[in-house]
Amino acid sequence: TVFFLLVLFAALTSSISLMETIVSVIMDK
């Protein structure tokens, strides 16, 4: 349970980094 909870937080933080790139491109275009 702890392991997959940490995986969830890791996925959320990674998704923020990835999505910021796409968001910035959409805002520019």
PDB file of all heavy atoms in Angstrom:
ATOM      1  N   THR A   1       0.826  -1.211   0.000  1.00  0.00           N
ATOM      2  CA  THR A   1       0.000   0.000   0.000  1.00  0.00           C
ATOM      3  C   THR A   1       0.857   1.257   0.000  1.00  0.00           C
ATOM      4  O   THR A   1       0.616   2.198  -0.763  1.00  0.00           O
ATOM      5  CB  THR A   1      -0.934   0.002   1.223  1.00  0.00           C
ATOM      6  OG1 THR A   1      -1.778  -1.158   1.185  1.00  0.00           O
ATOM      7  CG2 THR A   1      -1.797   1.250   1.245  1.00  0.00           C
ATOM      8  N   VAL A   2       1.877   1.271   0.860  1.00  0.00           N
ATOM      9  CA  VAL A   2       2.773   2.425   0.926  1.00  0.00           C
ATOM     10  C   VAL A   2       3.517   2.598  -0.398  1.00  0.00           C
ATOM     11  O   VAL A   2       3.668   3.723  -0.901  1.00  0.00           O
ATOM     12  CB  VAL A   2       3.774   2.261   2.091  1.00  0.00           C
ATOM     13  CG1 VAL A   2       4.822   3.376   2.050  1.00  0.00           C
ATOM     14  CG2 VAL A   2       3.053   2.263   3.426  1.00  0.00           C
ATOM     15  N   PHE A   3       3.969   1.476  -0.968  1.00  0.00           N
ATOM     16  CA  PHE A   3       4.712   1.533  -2.227  1.00  0.00           C
ATOM     17  C   PHE A   3       3.870   2.166  -3.331  1.00  0.00           C
ATOM     18  O   PHE A   3       4.308   3.098  -4.013  1.00  0.00           O
ATOM     19  CB  PHE A   3       5.147   0.123  -2.643  1.00  0.00           C
ATOM     20  CG  PHE A   3       5.802   0.072  -4.003  1.00  0.00           C
ATOM     21  CD1 PHE A   3       7.135   0.399  -4.159  1.00  0.00           C
ATOM     22  CD2 PHE A   3       5.068  -0.296  -5.116  1.00  0.00           C
ATOM     23  CE1 PHE A   3       7.735   0.354  -5.412  1.00  0.00           C
ATOM     24  CE2 PHE A   3       5.653  -0.340  -6.371  1.00  0.00           C
ATOM     25  CZ  PHE A   3       6.992  -0.011  -6.519  1.00  0.00           C
ATOM     26  N   PHE A   4       2.651   1.676  -3.521  1.00  0.00           N
ATOM     27  CA  PHE A   4       1.819   2.200  -4.596  1.00  0.00           C
ATOM     28  C   PHE A   4       1.317   3.611  -4.299  1.00  0.00           C
ATOM     29  O   PHE A   4       1.028   4.378  -5.228  1.00  0.00           O
ATOM     30  CB  PHE A   4       0.649   1.247  -4.868  1.00  0.00           C
ATOM     31  CG  PHE A   4       1.060   0.027  -5.639  1.00  0.00           C
ATOM     32  CD1 PHE A   4       1.146  -1.208  -5.023  1.00  0.00           C
ATOM     33  CD2 PHE A   4       1.374   0.125  -6.984  1.00  0.00           C
ATOM     34  CE1 PHE A   4       1.544  -2.324  -5.739  1.00  0.00           C
ATOM     35  CE2 PHE A   4       1.765  -0.996  -7.711  1.00  0.00           C
ATOM     36  CZ  PHE A   4       1.855  -2.232  -7.087  1.00  0.00           C
ATOM     37  N   LEU A   5       1.227   3.963  -3.013  1.00  0.00           N
ATOM     38  CA  LEU A   5       0.892   5.348  -2.675  1.00  0.00           C
ATOM     39  C   LEU A   5       2.034   6.283  -3.094  1.00  0.00           C
ATOM     40  O   LEU A   5       1.797   7.360  -3.654  1.00  0.00           O
ATOM     41  CB  LEU A   5       0.644   5.467  -1.166  1.00  0.00           C
ATOM     42  CG  LEU A   5       0.171   6.845  -0.654  1.00  0.00           C
ATOM     43  CD1 LEU A   5      -1.174   7.205  -1.278  1.00  0.00           C
ATOM     44  CD2 LEU A   5       0.054   6.838   0.857  1.00  0.00           C
ATOM     45  N   LEU A   6       3.264   5.839  -2.860  1.00  0.00           N
ATOM     46  CA  LEU A   6       4.417   6.628  -3.294  1.00  0.00           C
ATOM     47  C   LEU A   6       4.489   6.696  -4.816  1.00  0.00           C
ATOM     48  O   LEU A   6       4.864   7.722  -5.384  1.00  0.00           O
ATOM     49  CB  LEU A   6       5.708   6.017  -2.731  1.00  0.00           C
ATOM     50  CG  LEU A   6       5.873   6.097  -1.207  1.00  0.00           C
ATOM     51  CD1 LEU A   6       7.137   5.352  -0.770  1.00  0.00           C
ATOM     52  CD2 LEU A   6       5.928   7.539  -0.748  1.00  0.00           C
ATOM     53  N   VAL A   7       4.126   5.603  -5.487  1.00  0.00           N
ATOM     54  CA  VAL A   7       4.085   5.604  -6.950  1.00  0.00           C
ATOM     55  C   VAL A   7       3.061   6.624  -7.449  1.00  0.00           C
ATOM     56  O   VAL A   7       3.289   7.329  -8.441  1.00  0.00           O
ATOM     57  CB  VAL A   7       3.746   4.196  -7.483  1.00  0.00           C
ATOM     58  CG1 VAL A   7       3.438   4.241  -8.986  1.00  0.00           C
ATOM     59  CG2 VAL A   7       4.893   3.242  -7.226  1.00  0.00           C
ATOM     60  N   LEU A   8       1.927   6.711  -6.743  1.00  0.00           N
ATOM     61  CA  LEU A   8       0.895   7.684  -7.109  1.00  0.00           C
ATOM     62  C   LEU A   8       1.449   9.109  -7.030  1.00  0.00           C
ATOM     63  O   LEU A   8       1.270   9.906  -7.960  1.00  0.00           O
ATOM     64  CB  LEU A   8      -0.311   7.533  -6.189  1.00  0.00           C
ATOM     65  CG  LEU A   8      -1.399   8.615  -6.313  1.00  0.00           C
ATOM     66  CD1 LEU A   8      -2.018   8.603  -7.705  1.00  0.00           C
ATOM     67  CD2 LEU A   8      -2.472   8.417  -5.245  1.00  0.00           C
ATOM     68  N   PHE A   9       2.130   9.424  -5.928  1.00  0.00           N
ATOM     69  CA  PHE A   9       2.699  10.771  -5.779  1.00  0.00           C
ATOM     70  C   PHE A   9       3.781  11.023  -6.828  1.00  0.00           C
ATOM     71  O   PHE A   9       3.893  12.135  -7.362  1.00  0.00           O
ATOM     72  CB  PHE A   9       3.265  10.960  -4.374  1.00  0.00           C
ATOM     73  CG  PHE A   9       2.198  11.082  -3.313  1.00  0.00           C
ATOM     74  CD1 PHE A   9       2.197  10.254  -2.197  1.00  0.00           C
ATOM     75  CD2 PHE A   9       1.201  12.030  -3.429  1.00  0.00           C
ATOM     76  CE1 PHE A   9       1.221  10.367  -1.231  1.00  0.00           C
ATOM     77  CE2 PHE A   9       0.211  12.159  -2.463  1.00  0.00           C
ATOM     78  CZ  PHE A   9       0.218  11.321  -1.351  1.00  0.00           C
ATOM     79  N   ALA A  10       4.587   9.984  -7.115  1.00  0.00           N
ATOM     80  CA  ALA A  10       5.619  10.140  -8.143  1.00  0.00           C
ATOM     81  C   ALA A  10       4.988  10.400  -9.505  1.00  0.00           C
ATOM     82  O   ALA A  10       5.477  11.231 -10.287  1.00  0.00           O
ATOM     83  CB  ALA A  10       6.497   8.886  -8.198  1.00  0.00           C
ATOM     84  N   ALA A  11       3.900   9.701  -9.792  1.00  0.00           N
ATOM     85  CA  ALA A  11       3.214   9.894 -11.069  1.00  0.00           C
ATOM     86  C   ALA A  11       2.604  11.293 -11.160  1.00  0.00           C
ATOM     87  O   ALA A  11       2.648  11.927 -12.221  1.00  0.00           O
ATOM     88  CB  ALA A  11       2.131   8.836 -11.238  1.00  0.00           C
ATOM     89  N   LEU A  12       2.047  11.773 -10.049  1.00  0.00           N
ATOM     90  CA  LEU A  12       1.436  13.106 -10.051  1.00  0.00           C
ATOM     91  C   LEU A  12       2.482  14.189 -10.297  1.00  0.00           C
ATOM     92  O   LEU A  12       2.279  15.103 -11.109  1.00  0.00           O
ATOM     93  CB  LEU A  12       0.724  13.361  -8.718  1.00  0.00           C
ATOM     94  CG  LEU A  12      -0.592  12.610  -8.503  1.00  0.00           C
ATOM     95  CD1 LEU A  12      -1.117  12.857  -7.102  1.00  0.00           C
ATOM     96  CD2 LEU A  12      -1.629  13.035  -9.532  1.00  0.00           C
ATOM     97  N   THR A  13       3.622  14.100  -9.595  1.00  0.00           N
ATOM     98  CA  THR A  13       4.658  15.112  -9.779  1.00  0.00           C
ATOM     99  C   THR A  13       5.241  15.047 -11.190  1.00  0.00           C
ATOM    100  O   THR A  13       5.537  16.091 -11.795  1.00  0.00           O
ATOM    101  CB  THR A  13       5.768  14.944  -8.743  1.00  0.00           C
ATOM    102  OG1 THR A  13       6.275  13.593  -8.795  1.00  0.00           O
ATOM    103  CG2 THR A  13       5.240  15.200  -7.341  1.00  0.00           C
ATOM    104  N   SER A  14       5.409  13.827 -11.719  1.00  0.00           N
ATOM    105  CA  SER A  14       5.931  13.693 -13.086  1.00  0.00           C
ATOM    106  C   SER A  14       4.930  14.234 -14.097  1.00  0.00           C
ATOM    107  O   SER A  14       5.319  14.886 -15.081  1.00  0.00           O
ATOM    108  CB  SER A  14       6.235  12.219 -13.390  1.00  0.00           C
ATOM    109  OG  SER A  14       7.236  11.722 -12.541  1.00  0.00           O
ATOM    110  N   SER A  15       3.647  13.968 -13.869  1.00  0.00           N
ATOM    111  CA  SER A  15       2.627  14.437 -14.808  1.00  0.00           C
ATOM    112  C   SER A  15       2.559  15.961 -14.832  1.00  0.00           C
ATOM    113  O   SER A  15       2.308  16.560 -15.879  1.00  0.00           O
ATOM    114  CB  SER A  15       1.258  13.856 -14.453  1.00  0.00           C
ATOM    115  OG  SER A  15       0.809  14.336 -13.196  1.00  0.00           O
ATOM    116  N   ILE A  16       2.809  16.598 -13.679  1.00  0.00           N
ATOM    117  CA  ILE A  16       2.821  18.062 -13.643  1.00  0.00           C
ATOM    118  C   ILE A  16       3.935  18.597 -14.551  1.00  0.00           C
ATOM    119  O   ILE A  16       3.729  19.539 -15.322  1.00  0.00           O
ATOM    120  CB  ILE A  16       3.004  18.567 -12.201  1.00  0.00           C
ATOM    121  CG1 ILE A  16       1.749  18.260 -11.366  1.00  0.00           C
ATOM    122  CG2 ILE A  16       3.299  20.061 -12.175  1.00  0.00           C
ATOM    123  CD1 ILE A  16       1.892  18.547  -9.893  1.00  0.00           C
ATOM    124  N   SER A  17       5.112  17.981 -14.471  1.00  0.00           N
ATOM    125  CA  SER A  17       6.230  18.419 -15.312  1.00  0.00           C
ATOM    126  C   SER A  17       5.911  18.218 -16.785  1.00  0.00           C
ATOM    127  O   SER A  17       6.171  19.094 -17.621  1.00  0.00           O
ATOM    128  CB  SER A  17       7.496  17.641 -14.942  1.00  0.00           C
ATOM    129  OG  SER A  17       7.866  17.867 -13.608  1.00  0.00           O
ATOM    130  N   LEU A  18       5.356  17.051 -17.112  1.00  0.00           N
ATOM    131  CA  LEU A  18       5.041  16.757 -18.507  1.00  0.00           C
ATOM    132  C   LEU A  18       3.927  17.653 -19.034  1.00  0.00           C
ATOM    133  O   LEU A  18       4.000  18.170 -20.152  1.00  0.00           O
ATOM    134  CB  LEU A  18       4.631  15.282 -18.641  1.00  0.00           C
ATOM    135  CG  LEU A  18       5.738  14.260 -18.434  1.00  0.00           C
ATOM    136  CD1 LEU A  18       5.141  12.856 -18.308  1.00  0.00           C
ATOM    137  CD2 LEU A  18       6.737  14.290 -19.571  1.00  0.00           C
ATOM    138  N   MET A  19       2.903  17.839 -18.214  1.00  0.00           N
ATOM    139  CA  MET A  19       1.756  18.624 -18.664  1.00  0.00           C
ATOM    140  C   MET A  19       2.086  20.103 -18.774  1.00  0.00           C
ATOM    141  O   MET A  19       1.514  20.804 -19.607  1.00  0.00           O
ATOM    142  CB  MET A  19       0.574  18.393 -17.719  1.00  0.00           C
ATOM    143  CG  MET A  19       0.019  16.969 -17.805  1.00  0.00           C
ATOM    144  SD  MET A  19      -1.159  16.573 -16.490  1.00  0.00           S
ATOM    145  CE  MET A  19      -2.535  17.616 -16.966  1.00  0.00           C
ATOM    146  N   GLU A  20       3.034  20.582 -17.949  1.00  0.00           N
ATOM    147  CA  GLU A  20       3.423  21.990 -18.030  1.00  0.00           C
ATOM    148  C   GLU A  20       3.990  22.309 -19.406  1.00  0.00           C
ATOM    149  O   GLU A  20       3.749  23.386 -19.958  1.00  0.00           O
ATOM    150  CB  GLU A  20       4.445  22.313 -16.939  1.00  0.00           C
ATOM    151  CG  GLU A  20       5.096  23.681 -17.059  1.00  0.00           C
ATOM    152  CD  GLU A  20       4.104  24.823 -16.957  1.00  0.00           C
ATOM    153  OE1 GLU A  20       2.991  24.619 -16.425  1.00  0.00           O
ATOM    154  OE2 GLU A  20       4.436  25.941 -17.407  1.00  0.00           O
ATOM    155  N   THR A  21       4.738  21.372 -19.975  1.00  0.00           N
ATOM    156  CA  THR A  21       5.295  21.579 -21.314  1.00  0.00           C
ATOM    157  C   THR A  21       4.183  21.756 -22.342  1.00  0.00           C
ATOM    158  O   THR A  21       4.215  22.683 -23.167  1.00  0.00           O
ATOM    159  CB  THR A  21       6.178  20.386 -21.707  1.00  0.00           C
ATOM    160  OG1 THR A  21       7.208  20.220 -20.737  1.00  0.00           O
ATOM    161  CG2 THR A  21       6.789  20.589 -23.077  1.00  0.00           C
ATOM    162  N   ILE A  22       3.187  20.869 -22.284  1.00  0.00           N
ATOM    163  CA  ILE A  22       2.085  20.941 -23.247  1.00  0.00           C
ATOM    164  C   ILE A  22       1.250  22.191 -23.022  1.00  0.00           C
ATOM    165  O   ILE A  22       0.835  22.867 -23.977  1.00  0.00           O
ATOM    166  CB  ILE A  22       1.202  19.675 -23.143  1.00  0.00           C
ATOM    167  CG1 ILE A  22       2.055  18.426 -23.326  1.00  0.00           C
ATOM    168  CG2 ILE A  22       0.079  19.709 -24.170  1.00  0.00           C
ATOM    169  CD1 ILE A  22       1.320  17.130 -23.087  1.00  0.00           C
ATOM    170  N   VAL A  23       1.000  22.508 -21.753  1.00  0.00           N
ATOM    171  CA  VAL A  23       0.217  23.706 -21.424  1.00  0.00           C
ATOM    172  C   VAL A  23       0.907  24.956 -21.959  1.00  0.00           C
ATOM    173  O   VAL A  23       0.264  25.840 -22.548  1.00  0.00           O
ATOM    174  CB  VAL A  23       0.005  23.809 -19.897  1.00  0.00           C
ATOM    175  CG1 VAL A  23      -0.534  25.182 -19.525  1.00  0.00           C
ATOM    176  CG2 VAL A  23      -0.958  22.725 -19.423  1.00  0.00           C
ATOM    177  N   SER A  24       2.221  25.049 -21.768  1.00  0.00           N
ATOM    178  CA  SER A  24       2.945  26.234 -22.230  1.00  0.00           C
ATOM    179  C   SER A  24       2.901  26.362 -23.747  1.00  0.00           C
ATOM    180  O   SER A  24       2.781  27.475 -24.281  1.00  0.00           O
ATOM    181  CB  SER A  24       4.398  26.180 -21.753  1.00  0.00           C
ATOM    182  OG  SER A  24       5.089  25.078 -22.322  1.00  0.00           O
ATOM    183  N   VAL A  25       2.967  25.228 -24.460  1.00  0.00           N
ATOM    184  CA  VAL A  25       2.884  25.263 -25.927  1.00  0.00           C
ATOM    185  C   VAL A  25       1.495  25.718 -26.376  1.00  0.00           C
ATOM    186  O   VAL A  25       1.360  26.545 -27.291  1.00  0.00           O
ATOM    187  CB  VAL A  25       3.212  23.876 -26.520  1.00  0.00           C
ATOM    188  CG1 VAL A  25       2.905  23.846 -28.021  1.00  0.00           C
ATOM    189  CG2 VAL A  25       4.669  23.519 -26.280  1.00  0.00           C
ATOM    190  N   ILE A  26       0.441  25.186 -25.727  1.00  0.00           N
ATOM    191  CA  ILE A  26      -0.928  25.577 -26.077  1.00  0.00           C
ATOM    192  C   ILE A  26      -1.137  27.068 -25.823  1.00  0.00           C
ATOM    193  O   ILE A  26      -1.753  27.776 -26.629  1.00  0.00           O
ATOM    194  CB  ILE A  26      -1.943  24.740 -25.271  1.00  0.00           C
ATOM    195  CG1 ILE A  26      -1.903  23.279 -25.738  1.00  0.00           C
ATOM    196  CG2 ILE A  26      -3.359  25.303 -25.431  1.00  0.00           C
ATOM    197  CD1 ILE A  26      -2.807  22.358 -24.950  1.00  0.00           C
ATOM    198  N   MET A  27      -0.596  27.556 -24.709  1.00  0.00           N
ATOM    199  CA  MET A  27      -0.731  28.980 -24.400  1.00  0.00           C
ATOM    200  C   MET A  27      -0.005  29.847 -25.432  1.00  0.00           C
ATOM    201  O   MET A  27      -0.463  30.946 -25.766  1.00  0.00           O
ATOM    202  CB  MET A  27      -0.188  29.263 -23.001  1.00  0.00           C
ATOM    203  CG  MET A  27      -1.023  28.689 -21.870  1.00  0.00           C
ATOM    204  SD  MET A  27      -0.224  28.860 -20.257  1.00  0.00           S
ATOM    205  CE  MET A  27      -0.077  30.649 -20.130  1.00  0.00           C
ATOM    206  N   ASP A  28       1.123  29.353 -25.939  1.00  0.00           N
ATOM    207  CA  ASP A  28       1.881  30.119 -26.937  1.00  0.00           C
ATOM    208  C   ASP A  28       1.203  30.113 -28.303  1.00  0.00           C
ATOM    209  O   ASP A  28       1.276  31.101 -29.049  1.00  0.00           O
ATOM    210  CB  ASP A  28       3.297  29.552 -27.079  1.00  0.00           C
ATOM    211  CG  ASP A  28       4.156  29.829 -25.853  1.00  0.00           C
ATOM    212  OD1 ASP A  28       3.802  30.750 -25.095  1.00  0.00           O
ATOM    213  OD2 ASP A  28       5.164  29.121 -25.658  1.00  0.00           O
ATOM    214  N   LYS A  29       0.528  29.007 -28.643  1.00  0.00           N
ATOM    215  CA  LYS A  29      -0.004  28.831 -29.992  1.00  0.00           C
ATOM    216  C   LYS A  29      -1.494  29.141 -30.118  1.00  0.00           C
ATOM    217  O   LYS A  29      -2.012  29.229 -31.238  1.00  0.00           O
ATOM    218  CB  LYS A  29       0.236  27.390 -30.465  1.00  0.00           C
ATOM    219  CG  LYS A  29       1.711  26.974 -30.491  1.00  0.00           C
ATOM    220  CD  LYS A  29       2.511  27.812 -31.456  1.00  0.00           C
ATOM    221  CE  LYS A  29       3.973  27.351 -31.520  1.00  0.00           C
ATOM    222  NZ  LYS A  29       4.771  28.176 -32.462  1.00  0.00           N
TER     223      LYS A  29
END
